[in-house]
Amino acid sequence: MGTISNSTYDVAMDMIYSYGPNITHDNVKTVRNYLFQNTVSDYDNSTRGVTKEEIQNFLISKGMTTTQANMEIAALETLGNDIVFFGHAYSSSSKIWIYAEQE
C-alpha cells in the first residue's frame, strides 16, 4: 500500500480499463509495479495472513458498501490478486492504493 498522486491514479485506472473484462493476474501485477514505482509516501508491505472477513471489514471501514467489498474480494479470489484505491484523508491531490494477493 502507499500514497500516489492523482495523476498516477489516473494512469493506473487507464491501465486497468485497457485490460477490460479479461484482466489477468499478471495485468494486475503490472499495475501494482507501476504503483510501486510511483508511490510518494506511506509505503507499507507488512500485512500478511488476513482473512476474508478482515478484508471485508477493512474495506467497509474505508467507505465501501458490503456489496462493493464483496465484489473486490471476489476479484481477489478469481484473479489471485486485486488493487483497491481510496481517497487520501489529508490531501485531495493524492490517493491511497492497496494491493492484495492470495498466498
PDB file of N, CA and C in Angstrom:
ATOM      1  N   MET A   1       0.840  -1.177   0.000  1.00  0.00           N
ATOM      2  CA  MET A   1       0.000   0.000   0.000  1.00  0.00           C
ATOM      3  C   MET A   1       0.877   1.229   0.000  1.00  0.00           C
ATOM      4  N   GLY A   2       0.302   2.331  -0.427  1.00  0.00           N
ATOM      5  CA  GLY A   2       1.052   3.565  -0.425  1.00  0.00           C
ATOM      6  C   GLY A   2       0.208   4.726  -0.918  1.00  0.00           C
ATOM      7  N   THR A   3       0.824   5.899  -0.937  1.00  0.00           N
ATOM      8  CA  THR A   3       0.178   7.110  -1.409  1.00  0.00           C
ATOM      9  C   THR A   3       0.714   7.454  -2.789  1.00  0.00           C
ATOM     10  N   ILE A   4      -0.195   7.804  -3.690  1.00  0.00           N
ATOM     11  CA  ILE A   4       0.172   8.205  -5.053  1.00  0.00           C
ATOM     12  C   ILE A   4      -0.527   9.517  -5.396  1.00  0.00           C
ATOM     13  N   SER A   5      -0.010  10.192  -6.391  1.00  0.00           N
ATOM     14  CA  SER A   5      -0.665  11.410  -6.865  1.00  0.00           C
ATOM     15  C   SER A   5      -1.916  11.044  -7.647  1.00  0.00           C
ATOM     16  N   ASN A   6      -2.797  12.011  -7.810  1.00  0.00           N
ATOM     17  CA  ASN A   6      -3.998  11.775  -8.615  1.00  0.00           C
ATOM     18  C   ASN A   6      -3.641  11.455 -10.065  1.00  0.00           C
ATOM     19  N   SER A   7      -2.575  12.041 -10.588  1.00  0.00           N
ATOM     20  CA  SER A   7      -2.191  11.747 -11.970  1.00  0.00           C
ATOM     21  C   SER A   7      -1.692  10.306 -12.102  1.00  0.00           C
ATOM     22  N   THR A   8      -0.989   9.800 -11.100  1.00  0.00           N
ATOM     23  CA  THR A   8      -0.576   8.391 -11.114  1.00  0.00           C
ATOM     24  C   THR A   8      -1.803   7.496 -11.042  1.00  0.00           C
ATOM     25  N   TYR A   9      -2.755   7.869 -10.215  1.00  0.00           N
ATOM     26  CA  TYR A   9      -4.014   7.130 -10.123  1.00  0.00           C
ATOM     27  C   TYR A   9      -4.704   7.084 -11.488  1.00  0.00           C
ATOM     28  N   ASP A  10      -4.767   8.231 -12.170  1.00  0.00           N
ATOM     29  CA  ASP A  10      -5.424   8.285 -13.480  1.00  0.00           C
ATOM     30  C   ASP A  10      -4.762   7.330 -14.471  1.00  0.00           C
ATOM     31  N   VAL A  11      -3.432   7.300 -14.481  1.00  0.00           N
ATOM     32  CA  VAL A  11      -2.716   6.386 -15.380  1.00  0.00           C
ATOM     33  C   VAL A  11      -3.007   4.939 -15.004  1.00  0.00           C
ATOM     34  N   ALA A  12      -2.979   4.631 -13.710  1.00  0.00           N
ATOM     35  CA  ALA A  12      -3.261   3.261 -13.257  1.00  0.00           C
ATOM     36  C   ALA A  12      -4.666   2.831 -13.661  1.00  0.00           C
ATOM     37  N   MET A  13      -5.638   3.715 -13.510  1.00  0.00           N
ATOM     38  CA  MET A  13      -7.012   3.384 -13.898  1.00  0.00           C
ATOM     39  C   MET A  13      -7.120   3.183 -15.405  1.00  0.00           C
ATOM     40  N   ASP A  14      -6.414   4.002 -16.182  1.00  0.00           N
ATOM     41  CA  ASP A  14      -6.395   3.807 -17.635  1.00  0.00           C
ATOM     42  C   ASP A  14      -5.824   2.438 -17.984  1.00  0.00           C
ATOM     43  N   MET A  15      -4.776   2.032 -17.264  1.00  0.00           N
ATOM     44  CA  MET A  15      -4.184   0.707 -17.487  1.00  0.00           C
ATOM     45  C   MET A  15      -5.218  -0.382 -17.202  1.00  0.00           C
ATOM     46  N   ILE A  16      -5.888  -0.264 -16.069  1.00  0.00           N
ATOM     47  CA  ILE A  16      -6.880  -1.271 -15.675  1.00  0.00           C
ATOM     48  C   ILE A  16      -8.010  -1.345 -16.700  1.00  0.00           C
ATOM     49  N   TYR A  17      -8.526  -0.184 -17.095  1.00  0.00           N
ATOM     50  CA  TYR A  17      -9.625  -0.169 -18.072  1.00  0.00           C
ATOM     51  C   TYR A  17      -9.186  -0.715 -19.421  1.00  0.00           C
ATOM     52  N   SER A  18      -7.920  -0.508 -19.789  1.00  0.00           N
ATOM     53  CA  SER A  18      -7.447  -1.001 -21.083  1.00  0.00           C
ATOM     54  C   SER A  18      -7.439  -2.525 -21.139  1.00  0.00           C
ATOM     55  N   TYR A  19      -7.306  -3.177 -19.988  1.00  0.00           N
ATOM     56  CA  TYR A  19      -7.330  -4.646 -19.954  1.00  0.00           C
ATOM     57  C   TYR A  19      -8.745  -5.182 -20.127  1.00  0.00           C
ATOM     58  N   GLY A  20      -9.718  -4.382 -19.770  1.00  0.00           N
ATOM     59  CA  GLY A  20     -11.113  -4.781 -19.942  1.00  0.00           C
ATOM     60  C   GLY A  20     -11.507  -5.953 -19.063  1.00  0.00           C
ATOM     61  N   PRO A  21     -12.572  -6.652 -19.459  1.00  0.00           N
ATOM     62  CA  PRO A  21     -13.091  -7.739 -18.628  1.00  0.00           C
ATOM     63  C   PRO A  21     -12.183  -8.970 -18.596  1.00  0.00           C
ATOM     64  N   ASN A  22     -11.181  -9.008 -19.442  1.00  0.00           N
ATOM     65  CA  ASN A  22     -10.271 -10.151 -19.482  1.00  0.00           C
ATOM     66  C   ASN A  22      -8.985  -9.896 -18.707  1.00  0.00           C
ATOM     67  N   ILE A  23      -9.037  -8.997 -17.745  1.00  0.00           N
ATOM     68  CA  ILE A  23      -7.860  -8.686 -16.939  1.00  0.00           C
ATOM     69  C   ILE A  23      -7.339  -9.956 -16.270  1.00  0.00           C
ATOM     70  N   THR A  24      -6.026 -10.065 -16.171  1.00  0.00           N
ATOM     71  CA  THR A  24      -5.398 -11.254 -15.601  1.00  0.00           C
ATOM     72  C   THR A  24      -4.587 -10.899 -14.358  1.00  0.00           C
ATOM     73  N   HIS A  25      -4.157 -11.933 -13.672  1.00  0.00           N
ATOM     74  CA  HIS A  25      -3.279 -11.797 -12.508  1.00  0.00           C
ATOM     75  C   HIS A  25      -2.042 -10.983 -12.883  1.00  0.00           C
ATOM     76  N   ASP A  26      -1.441 -11.312 -14.028  1.00  0.00           N
ATOM     77  CA  ASP A  26      -0.231 -10.602 -14.462  1.00  0.00           C
ATOM     78  C   ASP A  26      -0.517  -9.138 -14.790  1.00  0.00           C
ATOM     79  N   ASN A  27      -1.698  -8.843 -15.358  1.00  0.00           N
ATOM     80  CA  ASN A  27      -2.074  -7.450 -15.627  1.00  0.00           C
ATOM     81  C   ASN A  27      -2.135  -6.652 -14.328  1.00  0.00           C
ATOM     82  N   VAL A  28      -2.750  -7.242 -13.316  1.00  0.00           N
ATOM     83  CA  VAL A  28      -2.864  -6.561 -12.022  1.00  0.00           C
ATOM     84  C   VAL A  28      -1.472  -6.332 -11.437  1.00  0.00           C
ATOM     85  N   LYS A  29      -0.573  -7.298 -11.592  1.00  0.00           N
ATOM     86  CA  LYS A  29       0.803  -7.123 -11.102  1.00  0.00           C
ATOM     87  C   LYS A  29       1.526  -6.009 -11.859  1.00  0.00           C
ATOM     88  N   THR A  30       1.241  -5.867 -13.139  1.00  0.00           N
ATOM     89  CA  THR A  30       1.836  -4.780 -13.925  1.00  0.00           C
ATOM     90  C   THR A  30       1.406  -3.432 -13.359  1.00  0.00           C
ATOM     91  N   VAL A  31       0.133  -3.303 -13.044  1.00  0.00           N
ATOM     92  CA  VAL A  31      -0.373  -2.065 -12.442  1.00  0.00           C
ATOM     93  C   VAL A  31       0.265  -1.868 -11.073  1.00  0.00           C
ATOM     94  N   ARG A  32       0.350  -2.930 -10.294  1.00  0.00           N
ATOM     95  CA  ARG A  32       0.977  -2.835  -8.967  1.00  0.00           C
ATOM     96  C   ARG A  32       2.415  -2.347  -9.084  1.00  0.00           C
ATOM     97  N   ASN A  33       3.158  -2.872 -10.047  1.00  0.00           N
ATOM     98  CA  ASN A  33       4.550  -2.448 -10.229  1.00  0.00           C
ATOM     99  C   ASN A  33       4.632  -0.963 -10.586  1.00  0.00           C
ATOM    100  N   TYR A  34       3.707  -0.510 -11.433  1.00  0.00           N
ATOM    101  CA  TYR A  34       3.644   0.914 -11.763  1.00  0.00           C
ATOM    102  C   TYR A  34       3.385   1.734 -10.495  1.00  0.00           C
ATOM    103  N   LEU A  35       2.460   1.269  -9.666  1.00  0.00           N
ATOM    104  CA  LEU A  35       2.152   1.978  -8.426  1.00  0.00           C
ATOM    105  C   LEU A  35       3.353   1.993  -7.489  1.00  0.00           C
ATOM    106  N   PHE A  36       4.058   0.853  -7.353  1.00  0.00           N
ATOM    107  CA  PHE A  36       5.275   0.807  -6.528  1.00  0.00           C
ATOM    108  C   PHE A  36       6.262   1.873  -6.977  1.00  0.00           C
ATOM    109  N   GLN A  37       6.474   1.963  -8.277  1.00  0.00           N
ATOM    110  CA  GLN A  37       7.456   2.904  -8.827  1.00  0.00           C
ATOM    111  C   GLN A  37       7.056   4.352  -8.624  1.00  0.00           C
ATOM    112  N   ASN A  38       5.765   4.609  -8.433  1.00  0.00           N
ATOM    113  CA  ASN A  38       5.276   5.978  -8.335  1.00  0.00           C
ATOM    114  C   ASN A  38       4.686   6.328  -6.973  1.00  0.00           C
ATOM    115  N   THR A  39       4.912   5.485  -5.986  1.00  0.00           N
ATOM    116  CA  THR A  39       4.447   5.763  -4.628  1.00  0.00           C
ATOM    117  C   THR A  39       5.284   6.892  -4.043  1.00  0.00           C
ATOM    118  N   VAL A  40       4.608   7.894  -3.507  1.00  0.00           N
ATOM    119  CA  VAL A  40       5.318   9.061  -2.990  1.00  0.00           C
ATOM    120  C   VAL A  40       5.517   9.019  -1.473  1.00  0.00           C
ATOM    121  N   SER A  41       4.687   8.263  -0.758  1.00  0.00           N
ATOM    122  CA  SER A  41       4.854   8.165   0.697  1.00  0.00           C
ATOM    123  C   SER A  41       3.985   7.045   1.257  1.00  0.00           C
ATOM    124  N   ASP A  42       4.190   6.788   2.537  1.00  0.00           N
ATOM    125  CA  ASP A  42       3.374   5.837   3.299  1.00  0.00           C
ATOM    126  C   ASP A  42       3.453   4.412   2.773  1.00  0.00           C
ATOM    127  N   TYR A  43       4.557   4.043   2.137  1.00  0.00           N
ATOM    128  CA  TYR A  43       4.672   2.687   1.617  1.00  0.00           C
ATOM    129  C   TYR A  43       4.762   1.695   2.771  1.00  0.00           C
ATOM    130  N   ASP A  44       3.993   0.621   2.661  1.00  0.00           N
ATOM    131  CA  ASP A  44       4.000  -0.432   3.673  1.00  0.00           C
ATOM    132  C   ASP A  44       3.763  -1.762   2.976  1.00  0.00           C
ATOM    133  N   ASN A  45       4.498  -2.766   3.372  1.00  0.00           N
ATOM    134  CA  ASN A  45       4.375  -4.092   2.770  1.00  0.00           C
ATOM    135  C   ASN A  45       4.375  -5.152   3.857  1.00  0.00           C
ATOM    136  N   SER A  46       3.685  -4.884   4.969  1.00  0.00           N
ATOM    137  CA  SER A  46       3.880  -5.741   6.133  1.00  0.00           C
ATOM    138  C   SER A  46       2.716  -6.641   6.516  1.00  0.00           C
ATOM    139  N   THR A  47       1.536  -6.423   5.996  1.00  0.00           N
ATOM    140  CA  THR A  47       0.391  -7.186   6.462  1.00  0.00           C
ATOM    141  C   THR A  47       0.289  -8.511   5.721  1.00  0.00           C
ATOM    142  N   ARG A  48       0.209  -9.599   6.465  1.00  0.00           N
ATOM    143  CA  ARG A  48       0.107 -10.935   5.877  1.00  0.00           C
ATOM    144  C   ARG A  48      -0.900 -11.749   6.670  1.00  0.00           C
ATOM    145  N   GLY A  49      -1.481 -12.745   6.006  1.00  0.00           N
ATOM    146  CA  GLY A  49      -2.339 -13.699   6.691  1.00  0.00           C
ATOM    147  C   GLY A  49      -3.665 -13.155   7.166  1.00  0.00           C
ATOM    148  N   VAL A  50      -4.276 -12.264   6.407  1.00  0.00           N
ATOM    149  CA  VAL A  50      -5.582 -11.743   6.812  1.00  0.00           C
ATOM    150  C   VAL A  50      -6.698 -12.611   6.240  1.00  0.00           C
ATOM    151  N   THR A  51      -7.824 -12.604   6.917  1.00  0.00           N
ATOM    152  CA  THR A  51      -8.973 -13.399   6.483  1.00  0.00           C
ATOM    153  C   THR A  51      -9.870 -12.581   5.559  1.00  0.00           C
ATOM    154  N   LYS A  52     -10.781 -13.269   4.874  1.00  0.00           N
ATOM    155  CA  LYS A  52     -11.757 -12.575   4.038  1.00  0.00           C
ATOM    156  C   LYS A  52     -12.587 -11.614   4.878  1.00  0.00           C
ATOM    157  N   GLU A  53     -12.963 -12.035   6.061  1.00  0.00           N
ATOM    158  CA  GLU A  53     -13.757 -11.174   6.935  1.00  0.00           C
ATOM    159  C   GLU A  53     -12.978  -9.918   7.326  1.00  0.00           C
ATOM    160  N   GLU A  54     -11.697 -10.065   7.603  1.00  0.00           N
ATOM    161  CA  GLU A  54     -10.874  -8.901   7.943  1.00  0.00           C
ATOM    162  C   GLU A  54     -10.760  -7.948   6.752  1.00  0.00           C
ATOM    163  N   ILE A  55     -10.617  -8.500   5.554  1.00  0.00           N
ATOM    164  CA  ILE A  55     -10.561  -7.659   4.360  1.00  0.00           C
ATOM    165  C   ILE A  55     -11.884  -6.934   4.185  1.00  0.00           C
ATOM    166  N   GLN A  56     -12.975  -7.669   4.302  1.00  0.00           N
ATOM    167  CA  GLN A  56     -14.306  -7.064   4.147  1.00  0.00           C
ATOM    168  C   GLN A  56     -14.507  -5.938   5.161  1.00  0.00           C
ATOM    169  N   ASN A  57     -14.195  -6.192   6.420  1.00  0.00           N
ATOM    170  CA  ASN A  57     -14.357  -5.177   7.460  1.00  0.00           C
ATOM    171  C   ASN A  57     -13.492  -3.951   7.182  1.00  0.00           C
ATOM    172  N   PHE A  58     -12.269  -4.172   6.716  1.00  0.00           N
ATOM    173  CA  PHE A  58     -11.370  -3.065   6.397  1.00  0.00           C
ATOM    174  C   PHE A  58     -11.949  -2.212   5.267  1.00  0.00           C
ATOM    175  N   LEU A  59     -12.373  -2.866   4.190  1.00  0.00           N
ATOM    176  CA  LEU A  59     -12.924  -2.132   3.047  1.00  0.00           C
ATOM    177  C   LEU A  59     -14.173  -1.350   3.432  1.00  0.00           C
ATOM    178  N   ILE A  60     -15.015  -1.948   4.230  1.00  0.00           N
ATOM    179  CA  ILE A  60     -16.222  -1.261   4.690  1.00  0.00           C
ATOM    180  C   ILE A  60     -15.846  -0.074   5.576  1.00  0.00           C
ATOM    181  N   SER A  61     -14.826  -0.236   6.413  1.00  0.00           N
ATOM    182  CA  SER A  61     -14.387   0.864   7.278  1.00  0.00           C
ATOM    183  C   SER A  61     -13.843   2.039   6.476  1.00  0.00           C
ATOM    184  N   LYS A  62     -13.422   1.782   5.238  1.00  0.00           N
ATOM    185  CA  LYS A  62     -12.893   2.833   4.366  1.00  0.00           C
ATOM    186  C   LYS A  62     -13.967   3.427   3.462  1.00  0.00           C
ATOM    187  N   GLY A  63     -15.235   3.027   3.666  1.00  0.00           N
ATOM    188  CA  GLY A  63     -16.332   3.657   2.959  1.00  0.00           C
ATOM    189  C   GLY A  63     -17.011   2.823   1.895  1.00  0.00           C
ATOM    190  N   MET A  64     -16.552   1.610   1.672  1.00  0.00           N
ATOM    191  CA  MET A  64     -17.223   0.749   0.691  1.00  0.00           C
ATOM    192  C   MET A  64     -18.488   0.164   1.292  1.00  0.00           C
ATOM    193  N   THR A  65     -19.440  -0.117   0.433  1.00  0.00           N
ATOM    194  CA  THR A  65     -20.614  -0.854   0.877  1.00  0.00           C
ATOM    195  C   THR A  65     -20.226  -2.322   1.004  1.00  0.00           C
ATOM    196  N   THR A  66     -21.065  -3.096   1.644  1.00  0.00           N
ATOM    197  CA  THR A  66     -20.815  -4.531   1.748  1.00  0.00           C
ATOM    198  C   THR A  66     -20.749  -5.153   0.361  1.00  0.00           C
ATOM    199  N   THR A  67     -21.631  -4.726  -0.531  1.00  0.00           N
ATOM    200  CA  THR A  67     -21.635  -5.253  -1.900  1.00  0.00           C
ATOM    201  C   THR A  67     -20.331  -4.932  -2.609  1.00  0.00           C
ATOM    202  N   GLN A  68     -19.848  -3.695  -2.497  1.00  0.00           N
ATOM    203  CA  GLN A  68     -18.587  -3.318  -3.135  1.00  0.00           C
ATOM    204  C   GLN A  68     -17.424  -4.120  -2.559  1.00  0.00           C
ATOM    205  N   ALA A  69     -17.395  -4.265  -1.246  1.00  0.00           N
ATOM    206  CA  ALA A  69     -16.322  -5.026  -0.601  1.00  0.00           C
ATOM    207  C   ALA A  69     -16.340  -6.474  -1.075  1.00  0.00           C
ATOM    208  N   ASN A  70     -17.540  -7.053  -1.162  1.00  0.00           N
ATOM    209  CA  ASN A  70     -17.645  -8.445  -1.625  1.00  0.00           C
ATOM    210  C   ASN A  70     -17.206  -8.584  -3.077  1.00  0.00           C
ATOM    211  N   MET A  71     -17.452  -7.563  -3.901  1.00  0.00           N
ATOM    212  CA  MET A  71     -17.003  -7.601  -5.292  1.00  0.00           C
ATOM    213  C   MET A  71     -15.474  -7.583  -5.371  1.00  0.00           C
ATOM    214  N   GLU A  72     -14.840  -6.789  -4.534  1.00  0.00           N
ATOM    215  CA  GLU A  72     -13.374  -6.751  -4.510  1.00  0.00           C
ATOM    216  C   GLU A  72     -12.804  -8.089  -4.021  1.00  0.00           C
ATOM    217  N   ILE A  73     -13.434  -8.665  -3.025  1.00  0.00           N
ATOM    218  CA  ILE A  73     -12.992  -9.974  -2.525  1.00  0.00           C
ATOM    219  C   ILE A  73     -13.169 -11.032  -3.612  1.00  0.00           C
ATOM    220  N   ALA A  74     -14.271 -10.979  -4.349  1.00  0.00           N
ATOM    221  CA  ALA A  74     -14.499 -11.925  -5.449  1.00  0.00           C
ATOM    222  C   ALA A  74     -13.424 -11.766  -6.523  1.00  0.00           C
ATOM    223  N   ALA A  75     -13.035 -10.529  -6.824  1.00  0.00           N
ATOM    224  CA  ALA A  75     -11.957 -10.304  -7.795  1.00  0.00           C
ATOM    225  C   ALA A  75     -10.655 -10.892  -7.281  1.00  0.00           C
ATOM    226  N   LEU A  76     -10.380 -10.707  -6.009  1.00  0.00           N
ATOM    227  CA  LEU A  76      -9.175 -11.275  -5.392  1.00  0.00           C
ATOM    228  C   LEU A  76      -9.180 -12.791  -5.494  1.00  0.00           C
ATOM    229  N   GLU A  77     -10.317 -13.400  -5.220  1.00  0.00           N
ATOM    230  CA  GLU A  77     -10.415 -14.856  -5.279  1.00  0.00           C
ATOM    231  C   GLU A  77     -10.309 -15.371  -6.718  1.00  0.00           C
ATOM    232  N   THR A  78     -10.876 -14.640  -7.668  1.00  0.00           N
ATOM    233  CA  THR A  78     -10.865 -15.067  -9.066  1.00  0.00           C
ATOM    234  C   THR A  78      -9.486 -14.919  -9.692  1.00  0.00           C
ATOM    235  N   LEU A  79      -8.868 -13.750  -9.512  1.00  0.00           N
ATOM    236  CA  LEU A  79      -7.585 -13.468 -10.150  1.00  0.00           C
ATOM    237  C   LEU A  79      -6.382 -13.868  -9.297  1.00  0.00           C
ATOM    238  N   GLY A  80      -6.610 -13.949  -7.999  1.00  0.00           N
ATOM    239  CA  GLY A  80      -5.491 -14.231  -7.092  1.00  0.00           C
ATOM    240  C   GLY A  80      -4.829 -12.970  -6.576  1.00  0.00           C
ATOM    241  N   ASN A  81      -5.258 -11.804  -7.091  1.00  0.00           N
ATOM    242  CA  ASN A  81      -4.743 -10.523  -6.609  1.00  0.00           C
ATOM    243  C   ASN A  81      -5.747  -9.426  -6.953  1.00  0.00           C
ATOM    244  N   ASP A  82      -5.592  -8.264  -6.314  1.00  0.00           N
ATOM    245  CA  ASP A  82      -6.521  -7.150  -6.548  1.00  0.00           C
ATOM    246  C   ASP A  82      -5.874  -5.867  -6.043  1.00  0.00           C
ATOM    247  N   ILE A  83      -6.298  -4.760  -6.626  1.00  0.00           N
ATOM    248  CA  ILE A  83      -5.875  -3.425  -6.179  1.00  0.00           C
ATOM    249  C   ILE A  83      -7.135  -2.616  -5.890  1.00  0.00           C
ATOM    250  N   VAL A  84      -7.092  -1.897  -4.774  1.00  0.00           N
ATOM    251  CA  VAL A  84      -8.205  -1.026  -4.390  1.00  0.00           C
ATOM    252  C   VAL A  84      -7.627   0.365  -4.126  1.00  0.00           C
ATOM    253  N   PHE A  85      -8.383   1.387  -4.506  1.00  0.00           N
ATOM    254  CA  PHE A  85      -7.971   2.772  -4.301  1.00  0.00           C
ATOM    255  C   PHE A  85      -8.955   3.473  -3.374  1.00  0.00           C
ATOM    256  N   PHE A  86      -8.428   4.406  -2.575  1.00  0.00           N
ATOM    257  CA  PHE A  86      -9.238   5.231  -1.692  1.00  0.00           C
ATOM    258  C   PHE A  86      -8.745   6.669  -1.777  1.00  0.00           C
ATOM    259  N   GLY A  87      -9.632   7.607  -1.463  1.00  0.00           N
ATOM    260  CA  GLY A  87      -9.203   8.984  -1.330  1.00  0.00           C
ATOM    261  C   GLY A  87      -8.288   9.125  -0.129  1.00  0.00           C
ATOM    262  N   HIS A  88      -7.377  10.068  -0.190  1.00  0.00           N
ATOM    263  CA  HIS A  88      -6.458  10.328   0.916  1.00  0.00           C
ATOM    264  C   HIS A  88      -7.164  11.216   1.934  1.00  0.00           C
ATOM    265  N   ALA A  89      -7.046  10.881   3.195  1.00  0.00           N
ATOM    266  CA  ALA A  89      -7.759  11.607   4.256  1.00  0.00           C
ATOM    267  C   ALA A  89      -7.296  13.056   4.396  1.00  0.00           C
ATOM    268  N   TYR A  90      -6.042  13.354   4.025  1.00  0.00           N
ATOM    269  CA  TYR A  90      -5.493  14.681   4.276  1.00  0.00           C
ATOM    270  C   TYR A  90      -5.105  15.449   3.020  1.00  0.00           C
ATOM    271  N   SER A  91      -5.309  14.840   1.841  1.00  0.00           N
ATOM    272  CA  SER A  91      -4.887  15.507   0.615  1.00  0.00           C
ATOM    273  C   SER A  91      -5.816  15.156  -0.538  1.00  0.00           C
ATOM    274  N   SER A  92      -6.451  16.161  -1.091  1.00  0.00           N
ATOM    275  CA  SER A  92      -7.328  15.914  -2.235  1.00  0.00           C
ATOM    276  C   SER A  92      -6.539  15.655  -3.513  1.00  0.00           C
ATOM    277  N   SER A  93      -5.230  15.884  -3.481  1.00  0.00           N
ATOM    278  CA  SER A  93      -4.399  15.655  -4.661  1.00  0.00           C
ATOM    279  C   SER A  93      -3.712  14.291  -4.632  1.00  0.00           C
ATOM    280  N   SER A  94      -4.106  13.430  -3.685  1.00  0.00           N
ATOM    281  CA  SER A  94      -3.491  12.115  -3.534  1.00  0.00           C
ATOM    282  C   SER A  94      -4.539  11.026  -3.360  1.00  0.00           C
ATOM    283  N   LYS A  95      -4.121   9.814  -3.636  1.00  0.00           N
ATOM    284  CA  LYS A  95      -4.942   8.621  -3.407  1.00  0.00           C
ATOM    285  C   LYS A  95      -4.094   7.604  -2.652  1.00  0.00           C
ATOM    286  N   ILE A  96      -4.782   6.696  -1.983  1.00  0.00           N
ATOM    287  CA  ILE A  96      -4.144   5.564  -1.324  1.00  0.00           C
ATOM    288  C   ILE A  96      -4.446   4.319  -2.172  1.00  0.00           C
ATOM    289  N   TRP A  97      -3.433   3.501  -2.400  1.00  0.00           N
ATOM    290  CA  TRP A  97      -3.658   2.224  -3.090  1.00  0.00           C
ATOM    291  C   TRP A  97      -3.279   1.090  -2.163  1.00  0.00           C
ATOM    292  N   ILE A  98      -4.021  -0.004  -2.309  1.00  0.00           N
ATOM    293  CA  ILE A  98      -3.770  -1.208  -1.535  1.00  0.00           C
ATOM    294  C   ILE A  98      -3.796  -2.395  -2.489  1.00  0.00           C
ATOM    295  N   TYR A  99      -2.762  -3.198  -2.426  1.00  0.00           N
ATOM    296  CA  TYR A  99      -2.659  -4.399  -3.256  1.00  0.00           C
ATOM    297  C   TYR A  99      -2.770  -5.615  -2.348  1.00  0.00           C
ATOM    298  N   ALA A 100      -3.549  -6.604  -2.765  1.00  0.00           N
ATOM    299  CA  ALA A 100      -3.669  -7.849  -2.001  1.00  0.00           C
ATOM    300  C   ALA A 100      -3.422  -9.005  -2.963  1.00  0.00           C
ATOM    301  N   GLU A 101      -2.765 -10.037  -2.444  1.00  0.00           N
ATOM    302  CA  GLU A 101      -2.505 -11.239  -3.233  1.00  0.00           C
ATOM    303  C   GLU A 101      -2.722 -12.450  -2.347  1.00  0.00           C
ATOM    304  N   GLN A 102      -3.358 -13.459  -2.922  1.00  0.00           N
ATOM    305  CA  GLN A 102      -3.561 -14.698  -2.170  1.00  0.00           C
ATOM    306  C   GLN A 102      -2.233 -15.393  -1.961  1.00  0.00           C
ATOM    307  N   GLU A 103      -2.087 -16.003  -0.801  1.00  0.00           N
ATOM    308  CA  GLU A 103      -0.861 -16.755  -0.504  1.00  0.00           C
ATOM    309  C   GLU A 103      -1.021 -18.183  -0.939  1.00  0.00           C
TER     310      GLU A 103
END
